[in-house]
Structure formats: C-alpha cells, structure tokens
PDB file of N, CA and C in Angstrom:
ATOM      1  N   MET A   1      -8.384  12.239  27.988  1.00  0.00           N
ATOM      2  CA  MET A   1      -8.531  13.196  27.588  1.00  0.00           C
ATOM      3  C   MET A   1      -7.094  13.751  27.283  1.00  0.00           C
ATOM      4  N   ARG A   2      -5.960  13.207  27.951  1.00  0.00           N
ATOM      5  CA  ARG A   2      -4.795  13.836  27.582  1.00  0.00           C
ATOM      6  C   ARG A   2      -4.384  12.677  26.230  1.00  0.00           C
ATOM      7  N   GLU A   3      -4.670  11.465  26.151  1.00  0.00           N
ATOM      8  CA  GLU A   3      -4.601  10.818  24.719  1.00  0.00           C
ATOM      9  C   GLU A   3      -5.310  11.539  23.935  1.00  0.00           C
ATOM     10  N   LEU A   4      -6.267  12.531  23.408  1.00  0.00           N
ATOM     11  CA  LEU A   4      -6.747  12.816  22.642  1.00  0.00           C
ATOM     12  C   LEU A   4      -6.185  14.090  21.938  1.00  0.00           C
ATOM     13  N   VAL A   5      -5.553  14.583  23.345  1.00  0.00           N
ATOM     14  CA  VAL A   5      -4.577  16.271  22.873  1.00  0.00           C
ATOM     15  C   VAL A   5      -3.751  15.466  22.323  1.00  0.00           C
ATOM     16  N   GLU A   6      -3.153  14.323  22.886  1.00  0.00           N
ATOM     17  CA  GLU A   6      -1.861  13.930  21.960  1.00  0.00           C
ATOM     18  C   GLU A   6      -2.156  13.380  20.623  1.00  0.00           C
ATOM     19  N   ALA A   7      -3.146  12.660  20.738  1.00  0.00           N
ATOM     20  CA  ALA A   7      -3.327  12.512  19.330  1.00  0.00           C
ATOM     21  C   ALA A   7      -3.444  13.353  18.240  1.00  0.00           C
ATOM     22  N   LYS A   8      -3.980  14.477  18.337  1.00  0.00           N
ATOM     23  CA  LYS A   8      -4.126  15.619  17.859  1.00  0.00           C
ATOM     24  C   LYS A   8      -2.796  16.180  17.399  1.00  0.00           C
ATOM     25  N   ALA A   9      -1.694  16.556  18.669  1.00  0.00           N
ATOM     26  CA  ALA A   9      -0.866  17.000  18.058  1.00  0.00           C
ATOM     27  C   ALA A   9      -0.073  16.243  17.278  1.00  0.00           C
ATOM     28  N   VAL A  10      -0.032  14.789  17.344  1.00  0.00           N
ATOM     29  CA  VAL A  10       0.538  13.577  16.138  1.00  0.00           C
ATOM     30  C   VAL A  10       0.085  14.198  14.851  1.00  0.00           C
ATOM     31  N   VAL A  11      -1.454  14.403  14.679  1.00  0.00           N
ATOM     32  CA  VAL A  11      -1.950  14.714  13.693  1.00  0.00           C
ATOM     33  C   VAL A  11      -1.771  16.300  12.859  1.00  0.00           C
ATOM     34  N   LEU A  12      -1.633  17.000  13.940  1.00  0.00           N
ATOM     35  CA  LEU A  12      -1.181  18.291  13.328  1.00  0.00           C
ATOM     36  C   LEU A  12       0.512  18.295  12.964  1.00  0.00           C
ATOM     37  N   ALA A  13       1.264  17.149  13.616  1.00  0.00           N
ATOM     38  CA  ALA A  13       2.457  17.507  13.165  1.00  0.00           C
ATOM     39  C   ALA A  13       2.868  16.871  11.443  1.00  0.00           C
ATOM     40  N   GLY A  14       1.822  15.824  11.906  1.00  0.00           N
ATOM     41  CA  GLY A  14       1.829  14.915  10.253  1.00  0.00           C
ATOM     42  C   GLY A  14       1.339  15.901   9.291  1.00  0.00           C
ATOM     43  N   GLY A  15       0.763  16.904   9.188  1.00  0.00           N
ATOM     44  CA  GLY A  15      -0.087  18.190   8.523  1.00  0.00           C
ATOM     45  C   GLY A  15       0.767  18.859   8.480  1.00  0.00           C
ATOM     46  N   GLU A  16       1.868  19.449   9.096  1.00  0.00           N
ATOM     47  CA  GLU A  16       2.725  20.015   8.867  1.00  0.00           C
ATOM     48  C   GLU A  16       3.942  19.471   8.254  1.00  0.00           C
ATOM     49  N   ALA A  17       4.088  18.599   8.294  1.00  0.00           N
ATOM     50  CA  ALA A  17       5.251  17.367   7.618  1.00  0.00           C
ATOM     51  C   ALA A  17       5.016  17.308   6.193  1.00  0.00           C
ATOM     52  N   MET A  18       3.656  17.366   5.383  1.00  0.00           N
ATOM     53  CA  MET A  18       3.021  17.109   4.649  1.00  0.00           C
ATOM     54  C   MET A  18       2.754  18.464   3.961  1.00  0.00           C
ATOM     55  N   GLU A  19       3.307  19.562   4.899  1.00  0.00           N
ATOM     56  CA  GLU A  19       2.890  21.163   3.942  1.00  0.00           C
ATOM     57  C   GLU A  19       4.555  21.295   3.697  1.00  0.00           C
ATOM     58  N   ALA A  20       5.405  20.689   4.226  1.00  0.00           N
ATOM     59  CA  ALA A  20       6.831  21.464   4.508  1.00  0.00           C
ATOM     60  C   ALA A  20       7.399  20.037   3.173  1.00  0.00           C
ATOM     61  N   ALA A  21       6.826  19.013   2.956  1.00  0.00           N
ATOM     62  CA  ALA A  21       6.968  18.269   1.683  1.00  0.00           C
ATOM     63  C   ALA A  21       6.288  18.861   0.472  1.00  0.00           C
ATOM     64  N   ARG A  22       5.668  19.082   0.361  1.00  0.00           N
ATOM     65  CA  ARG A  22       4.571  19.735  -0.465  1.00  0.00           C
ATOM     66  C   ARG A  22       5.694  20.810  -0.825  1.00  0.00           C
ATOM     67  N   LYS A  23       5.696  22.090  -0.490  1.00  0.00           N
ATOM     68  CA  LYS A  23       7.045  23.003  -0.274  1.00  0.00           C
ATOM     69  C   LYS A  23       7.816  22.641  -1.051  1.00  0.00           C
ATOM     70  N   LEU A  24       8.879  21.848  -0.336  1.00  0.00           N
ATOM     71  CA  LEU A  24       9.831  21.095  -1.041  1.00  0.00           C
ATOM     72  C   LEU A  24       9.349  20.578  -1.925  1.00  0.00           C
ATOM     73  N   ARG A  25       8.695  20.077  -2.442  1.00  0.00           N
ATOM     74  CA  ARG A  25       8.387  19.263  -3.596  1.00  0.00           C
ATOM     75  C   ARG A  25       8.106  20.478  -4.705  1.00  0.00           C
ATOM     76  N   SER A  26       7.774  21.022  -4.903  1.00  0.00           N
ATOM     77  CA  SER A  26       7.281  22.677  -5.499  1.00  0.00           C
ATOM     78  C   SER A  26       8.839  23.045  -5.787  1.00  0.00           C
ATOM     79  N   ALA A  27       9.943  23.521  -5.258  1.00  0.00           N
ATOM     80  CA  ALA A  27      11.048  23.805  -5.032  1.00  0.00           C
ATOM     81  C   ALA A  27      11.920  23.040  -5.617  1.00  0.00           C
ATOM     82  N   GLU A  28      12.251  22.038  -5.024  1.00  0.00           N
ATOM     83  CA  GLU A  28      13.112  21.010  -5.406  1.00  0.00           C
ATOM     84  C   GLU A  28      12.818  19.379  -5.413  1.00  0.00           C
ATOM     85  N   PRO A  29      11.888  19.161  -6.552  1.00  0.00           N
ATOM     86  CA  PRO A  29      11.081  18.031  -6.630  1.00  0.00           C
ATOM     87  C   PRO A  29      12.414  16.810  -6.168  1.00  0.00           C
ATOM     88  N   GLU A  30      13.846  16.544  -6.581  1.00  0.00           N
ATOM     89  CA  GLU A  30      14.532  15.864  -6.826  1.00  0.00           C
ATOM     90  C   GLU A  30      15.123  15.809  -5.066  1.00  0.00           C
ATOM     91  N   SER A  31      14.670  16.907  -4.325  1.00  0.00           N
ATOM     92  CA  SER A  31      15.417  16.572  -3.064  1.00  0.00           C
ATOM     93  C   SER A  31      14.492  15.894  -2.407  1.00  0.00           C
ATOM     94  N   LEU A  32      13.291  15.318  -2.523  1.00  0.00           N
ATOM     95  CA  LEU A  32      12.269  14.484  -2.025  1.00  0.00           C
ATOM     96  C   LEU A  32      12.726  12.816  -1.959  1.00  0.00           C
ATOM     97  N   LEU A  33      13.108  12.745  -3.463  1.00  0.00           N
ATOM     98  CA  LEU A  33      13.975  11.503  -3.258  1.00  0.00           C
ATOM     99  C   LEU A  33      14.649  10.610  -2.323  1.00  0.00           C
ATOM    100  N   THR A  34      15.494  11.492  -1.696  1.00  0.00           N
ATOM    101  CA  THR A  34      16.994  11.012  -0.856  1.00  0.00           C
ATOM    102  C   THR A  34      15.560  10.570   0.686  1.00  0.00           C
ATOM    103  N   PRO A  35      14.875  11.510   1.268  1.00  0.00           N
ATOM    104  CA  PRO A  35      13.880  10.931   2.291  1.00  0.00           C
ATOM    105  C   PRO A  35      13.170  10.059   1.975  1.00  0.00           C
ATOM    106  N   LEU A  36      12.760  10.070   1.321  1.00  0.00           N
ATOM    107  CA  LEU A  36      11.330   9.101   0.391  1.00  0.00           C
ATOM    108  C   LEU A  36      12.340   7.320   0.386  1.00  0.00           C
ATOM    109  N   LEU A  37      13.369   7.564  -0.230  1.00  0.00           N
ATOM    110  CA  LEU A  37      14.097   6.353  -0.211  1.00  0.00           C
ATOM    111  C   LEU A  37      14.519   5.860   1.231  1.00  0.00           C
ATOM    112  N   ARG A  38      14.893   6.308   1.936  1.00  0.00           N
ATOM    113  CA  ARG A  38      15.535   6.570   3.256  1.00  0.00           C
ATOM    114  C   ARG A  38      14.215   5.877   3.577  1.00  0.00           C
ATOM    115  N   HIS A  39      12.764   6.381   3.828  1.00  0.00           N
ATOM    116  CA  HIS A  39      11.609   6.046   4.554  1.00  0.00           C
ATOM    117  C   HIS A  39      11.292   4.585   4.201  1.00  0.00           C
ATOM    118  N   VAL A  40      11.494   4.243   2.946  1.00  0.00           N
ATOM    119  CA  VAL A  40      10.968   2.941   2.339  1.00  0.00           C
ATOM    120  C   VAL A  40      12.269   2.145   2.799  1.00  0.00           C
ATOM    121  N   ARG A  41      13.386   2.752   2.921  1.00  0.00           N
ATOM    122  CA  ARG A  41      14.436   1.601   3.224  1.00  0.00           C
ATOM    123  C   ARG A  41      13.974   0.637   4.741  1.00  0.00           C
ATOM    124  N   THR A  42      14.000   2.274   5.351  1.00  0.00           N
ATOM    125  CA  THR A  42      13.670   1.881   6.722  1.00  0.00           C
ATOM    126  C   THR A  42      11.836   0.765   6.854  1.00  0.00           C
ATOM    127  N   MET A  43      11.038   1.146   6.365  1.00  0.00           N
ATOM    128  CA  MET A  43      10.023   0.184   6.477  1.00  0.00           C
ATOM    129  C   MET A  43      10.380  -0.680   6.012  1.00  0.00           C
ATOM    130  N   PHE A  44      11.043  -1.763   5.084  1.00  0.00           N
ATOM    131  CA  PHE A  44      11.518  -2.845   4.916  1.00  0.00           C
ATOM    132  C   PHE A  44      12.690  -3.564   5.228  1.00  0.00           C
ATOM    133  N   GLU A  45      13.270  -2.465   6.200  1.00  0.00           N
ATOM    134  CA  GLU A  45      14.417  -2.984   6.889  1.00  0.00           C
ATOM    135  C   GLU A  45      15.771  -3.450   5.853  1.00  0.00           C
ATOM    136  N   CYS A  46      15.830  -2.555   4.692  1.00  0.00           N
ATOM    137  CA  CYS A  46      16.488  -2.823   3.203  1.00  0.00           C
ATOM    138  C   CYS A  46      17.919  -1.672   4.095  1.00  0.00           C
ATOM    139  N   ARG A  47      19.300  -2.646   4.150  1.00  0.00           N
ATOM    140  CA  ARG A  47      20.149  -2.401   4.486  1.00  0.00           C
ATOM    141  C   ARG A  47      21.437  -1.287   3.744  1.00  0.00           C
ATOM    142  N   SER A  48      20.835  -2.122   2.816  1.00  0.00           N
ATOM    143  CA  SER A  48      21.947  -0.991   1.799  1.00  0.00           C
ATOM    144  C   SER A  48      21.482  -1.182   0.545  1.00  0.00           C
ATOM    145  N   LEU A  49      21.535   0.053  -0.328  1.00  0.00           N
ATOM    146  CA  LEU A  49      21.118   0.817  -1.114  1.00  0.00           C
ATOM    147  C   LEU A  49      21.314  -0.072  -2.888  1.00  0.00           C
ATOM    148  N   GLU A  50      21.989  -0.942  -2.630  1.00  0.00           N
ATOM    149  CA  GLU A  50      22.453  -1.923  -3.530  1.00  0.00           C
ATOM    150  C   GLU A  50      21.162  -2.867  -3.135  1.00  0.00           C
ATOM    151  N   GLY A  51      20.964  -3.202  -1.982  1.00  0.00           N
ATOM    152  CA  GLY A  51      19.411  -4.535  -1.905  1.00  0.00           C
ATOM    153  C   GLY A  51      17.833  -3.563  -2.206  1.00  0.00           C
ATOM    154  N   PHE A  52      17.939  -2.504  -2.616  1.00  0.00           N
ATOM    155  CA  PHE A  52      16.567  -1.670  -2.703  1.00  0.00           C
ATOM    156  C   PHE A  52      15.661  -2.039  -3.907  1.00  0.00           C
ATOM    157  N   ILE A  53      16.641  -2.389  -5.011  1.00  0.00           N
ATOM    158  CA  ILE A  53      16.275  -2.773  -6.411  1.00  0.00           C
ATOM    159  C   ILE A  53      15.463  -4.010  -6.233  1.00  0.00           C
ATOM    160  N   PRO A  54      16.464  -4.901  -5.643  1.00  0.00           N
ATOM    161  CA  PRO A  54      15.752  -6.355  -5.849  1.00  0.00           C
ATOM    162  C   PRO A  54      14.509  -6.921  -4.284  1.00  0.00           C
ATOM    163  N   LEU A  55      14.861  -5.596  -3.745  1.00  0.00           N
ATOM    164  CA  LEU A  55      13.704  -5.630  -2.412  1.00  0.00           C
ATOM    165  C   LEU A  55      12.162  -5.138  -3.553  1.00  0.00           C
ATOM    166  N   MET A  56      12.301  -4.044  -4.278  1.00  0.00           N
ATOM    167  CA  MET A  56      11.330  -3.592  -4.615  1.00  0.00           C
ATOM    168  C   MET A  56      10.687  -4.357  -6.173  1.00  0.00           C
ATOM    169  N   THR A  57      11.622  -5.164  -6.615  1.00  0.00           N
ATOM    170  CA  THR A  57      11.237  -6.078  -7.241  1.00  0.00           C
ATOM    171  C   THR A  57      10.015  -7.151  -6.295  1.00  0.00           C
ATOM    172  N   SER A  58      10.545  -7.353  -5.477  1.00  0.00           N
ATOM    173  CA  SER A  58      10.191  -8.777  -4.591  1.00  0.00           C
ATOM    174  C   SER A  58       9.043  -8.565  -4.268  1.00  0.00           C
ATOM    175  N   VAL A  59       8.749  -6.867  -3.713  1.00  0.00           N
ATOM    176  CA  VAL A  59       7.294  -6.306  -3.347  1.00  0.00           C
ATOM    177  C   VAL A  59       6.602  -6.193  -4.694  1.00  0.00           C
ATOM    178  N   TYR A  60       6.754  -5.945  -5.745  1.00  0.00           N
ATOM    179  CA  TYR A  60       6.432  -5.899  -6.690  1.00  0.00           C
ATOM    180  C   TYR A  60       5.648  -7.595  -7.406  1.00  0.00           C
ATOM    181  N   LEU A  61       6.341  -8.386  -7.362  1.00  0.00           N
ATOM    182  CA  LEU A  61       6.222  -9.708  -7.699  1.00  0.00           C
ATOM    183  C   LEU A  61       5.310  -9.962  -6.755  1.00  0.00           C
ATOM    184  N   GLU A  62       5.252  -9.580  -5.093  1.00  0.00           N
ATOM    185  CA  GLU A  62       4.518 -10.088  -4.124  1.00  0.00           C
ATOM    186  C   GLU A  62       3.148  -9.743  -4.685  1.00  0.00           C
ATOM    187  N   HIS A  63       3.095  -8.439  -4.904  1.00  0.00           N
ATOM    188  CA  HIS A  63       1.722  -7.549  -5.060  1.00  0.00           C
ATOM    189  C   HIS A  63       0.925  -8.198  -6.176  1.00  0.00           C
ATOM    190  N   GLN A  64       1.943  -8.275  -7.365  1.00  0.00           N
ATOM    191  CA  GLN A  64       0.899  -9.028  -8.211  1.00  0.00           C
ATOM    192  C   GLN A  64       0.477 -10.481  -8.167  1.00  0.00           C
ATOM    193  N   GLU A  65       1.127 -11.475  -7.401  1.00  0.00           N
ATOM    194  CA  GLU A  65       0.932 -12.693  -6.661  1.00  0.00           C
ATOM    195  C   GLU A  65      -0.609 -12.700  -6.407  1.00  0.00           C
ATOM    196  N   LEU A  66      -0.482 -11.270  -5.578  1.00  0.00           N
ATOM    197  CA  LEU A  66      -2.344 -11.122  -4.292  1.00  0.00           C
ATOM    198  C   LEU A  66      -3.102 -10.878  -5.537  1.00  0.00           C
ATOM    199  N   MET A  67      -2.476 -10.140  -6.383  1.00  0.00           N
ATOM    200  CA  MET A  67      -3.842  -9.517  -7.258  1.00  0.00           C
ATOM    201  C   MET A  67      -4.389 -10.612  -7.841  1.00  0.00           C
ATOM    202  N   ASN A  68      -3.077 -11.717  -8.463  1.00  0.00           N
ATOM    203  CA  ASN A  68      -3.622 -12.516  -9.326  1.00  0.00           C
ATOM    204  C   ASN A  68      -4.641 -13.587  -8.389  1.00  0.00           C
ATOM    205  N   PHE A  69      -4.331 -13.978  -7.066  1.00  0.00           N
ATOM    206  CA  PHE A  69      -4.943 -14.688  -6.017  1.00  0.00           C
ATOM    207  C   PHE A  69      -6.223 -13.774  -5.909  1.00  0.00           C
ATOM    208  N   SER A  70      -6.408 -12.281  -5.768  1.00  0.00           N
ATOM    209  CA  SER A  70      -7.827 -11.901  -5.413  1.00  0.00           C
ATOM    210  C   SER A  70      -8.965 -11.931  -7.283  1.00  0.00           C
ATOM    211  N   ARG A  71      -8.090 -12.075  -7.989  1.00  0.00           N
ATOM    212  CA  ARG A  71      -9.314 -12.197  -9.369  1.00  0.00           C
ATOM    213  C   ARG A  71      -9.320 -13.619  -9.557  1.00  0.00           C
ATOM    214  N   ALA A  72      -8.499 -14.875  -8.683  1.00  0.00           N
ATOM    215  CA  ALA A  72      -9.026 -15.851  -8.773  1.00  0.00           C
ATOM    216  C   ALA A  72      -9.982 -16.303  -7.651  1.00  0.00           C
ATOM    217  N   LEU A  73      -9.879 -15.663  -6.584  1.00  0.00           N
ATOM    218  CA  LEU A  73     -11.193 -15.914  -5.783  1.00  0.00           C
ATOM    219  C   LEU A  73     -12.415 -15.186  -6.313  1.00  0.00           C
ATOM    220  N   VAL A  74     -12.377 -14.130  -6.584  1.00  0.00           N
ATOM    221  CA  VAL A  74     -13.459 -13.425  -7.873  1.00  0.00           C
ATOM    222  C   VAL A  74     -14.046 -14.172  -8.690  1.00  0.00           C
ATOM    223  N   SER A  75     -13.198 -14.765  -9.408  1.00  0.00           N
ATOM    224  CA  SER A  75     -13.912 -16.469 -10.304  1.00  0.00           C
ATOM    225  C   SER A  75     -14.497 -17.405  -9.787  1.00  0.00           C
ATOM    226  N   VAL A  76     -13.548 -17.911  -8.661  1.00  0.00           N
ATOM    227  CA  VAL A  76     -14.415 -19.328  -7.989  1.00  0.00           C
ATOM    228  C   VAL A  76     -15.966 -18.576  -7.682  1.00  0.00           C
ATOM    229  N   ARG A  77     -15.484 -17.052  -6.809  1.00  0.00           N
ATOM    230  CA  ARG A  77     -17.174 -17.180  -6.085  1.00  0.00           C
ATOM    231  C   ARG A  77     -18.198 -16.640  -7.309  1.00  0.00           C
ATOM    232  N   VAL A  78     -18.207 -16.275  -8.479  1.00  0.00           N
ATOM    233  CA  VAL A  78     -18.845 -16.159  -9.710  1.00  0.00           C
ATOM    234  C   VAL A  78     -19.371 -17.255 -10.080  1.00  0.00           C
ATOM    235  N   VAL A  79     -18.327 -18.408 -10.625  1.00  0.00           N
ATOM    236  CA  VAL A  79     -18.721 -19.645 -10.797  1.00  0.00           C
ATOM    237  C   VAL A  79     -19.392 -20.053  -9.969  1.00  0.00           C
ATOM    238  N   THR A  80     -19.104 -20.056  -8.943  1.00  0.00           N
ATOM    239  CA  THR A  80     -20.113 -20.852  -7.542  1.00  0.00           C
ATOM    240  C   THR A  80     -21.443 -20.157  -7.701  1.00  0.00           C
ATOM    241  N   GLU A  81     -21.606 -19.010  -7.902  1.00  0.00           N
ATOM    242  CA  GLU A  81     -22.763 -18.017  -7.918  1.00  0.00           C
ATOM    243  C   GLU A  81     -23.767 -18.939  -8.969  1.00  0.00           C
ATOM    244  N   ILE A  82     -23.141 -19.022 -10.532  1.00  0.00           N
ATOM    245  CA  ILE A  82     -23.441 -19.489 -11.252  1.00  0.00           C
ATOM    246  C   ILE A  82     -23.994 -20.900 -11.312  1.00  0.00           C
ATOM    247  N   LEU A  83     -23.197 -21.479 -10.582  1.00  0.00           N
ATOM    248  CA  LEU A  83     -23.840 -23.020 -10.494  1.00  0.00           C
ATOM    249  C   LEU A  83     -24.865 -23.216  -9.209  1.00  0.00           C
ATOM    250  N   ARG A  84     -24.565 -22.073  -8.480  1.00  0.00           N
ATOM    251  CA  ARG A  84     -25.963 -22.157  -7.557  1.00  0.00           C
ATOM    252  C   ARG A  84     -27.156 -22.194  -8.284  1.00  0.00           C
ATOM    253  N   ARG A  85     -27.160 -21.200  -8.926  1.00  0.00           N
ATOM    254  CA  ARG A  85     -28.363 -20.679  -9.622  1.00  0.00           C
ATOM    255  C   ARG A  85     -28.947 -21.488 -10.477  1.00  0.00           C
ATOM    256  N   GLN A  86     -27.860 -22.143 -11.063  1.00  0.00           N
ATOM    257  CA  GLN A  86     -28.633 -23.648 -12.063  1.00  0.00           C
ATOM    258  C   GLN A  86     -28.863 -24.674 -11.004  1.00  0.00           C
ATOM    259  N   SER A  87     -28.218 -25.059 -10.051  1.00  0.00           N
ATOM    260  CA  SER A  87     -28.866 -26.088  -8.957  1.00  0.00           C
ATOM    261  C   SER A  87     -30.408 -25.443  -8.878  1.00  0.00           C
ATOM    262  N   ASP A  88     -30.664 -24.076  -8.529  1.00  0.00           N
ATOM    263  CA  ASP A  88     -31.576 -23.857  -7.931  1.00  0.00           C
ATOM    264  C   ASP A  88     -32.848 -23.709  -9.217  1.00  0.00           C
ATOM    265  N   LEU A  89     -32.282 -23.361 -10.359  1.00  0.00           N
ATOM    266  CA  LEU A  89     -33.768 -23.694 -11.482  1.00  0.00           C
ATOM    267  C   LEU A  89     -33.744 -25.103 -11.698  1.00  0.00           C
ATOM    268  N   LEU A  90     -32.911 -26.051 -11.446  1.00  0.00           N
ATOM    269  CA  LEU A  90     -33.083 -27.299 -11.644  1.00  0.00           C
ATOM    270  C   LEU A  90     -33.943 -27.739 -11.033  1.00  0.00           C
ATOM    271  N   ARG A  91     -33.850 -27.664  -9.332  1.00  0.00           N
ATOM    272  CA  ARG A  91     -34.742 -27.767  -8.511  1.00  0.00           C
ATOM    273  C   ARG A  91     -36.468 -27.443  -8.539  1.00  0.00           C
ATOM    274  N   ALA A  92     -36.241 -26.132  -9.173  1.00  0.00           N
ATOM    275  CA  ALA A  92     -37.739 -25.926  -9.219  1.00  0.00           C
ATOM    276  C   ALA A  92     -38.506 -26.404 -10.234  1.00  0.00           C
TER     277      ALA A  92
END
C-alpha cells in the first residue's frame, strides 16, 4: 500500500512540474531552453556544451540507421510473404 502511495506522489509531482513548465513556457519560452539542455546533457552524460551538437548529430544518425534497418526488415517480411504465397500457389 505504501508503494502505491509513493507512486501516486511521484505522479502528482510530475504533473505539478509539467504544469509549472507550461506556465513558464507561456510566460517566457526561452527560459525553458537551459533546463531542457541540462536535462538532455544529463541523460546522455554530455559533460560540455561544446559536445552537445556532436552528441545530437550522433543521436540523429543512430536514429536514421535504426529507421533504415526497420524499413529493411519490413521489406524482407513483405518479400518473404510474397514468396510464400507464390510457393503455395505452385504447390496447389
């Protein structure tokens, strides 16, 4: 029961933080850039501001590679399905 109460408190705190961010964004949108940048740098363990642009470039490139791989898997699946159907037709 205590875990449920603690989880609820975390959710409520997150909601309060989001509401505060919305208000701040409405009042001064530029003021969100610094906390956002700090958060991303923390997530990716980027120690310097100079390393941020190369980091984001590598994240983008990795994302593109994963998207290309995903598209290739879908293509293989489609081709495999077409070949399976043709094989079934030939056997019939």
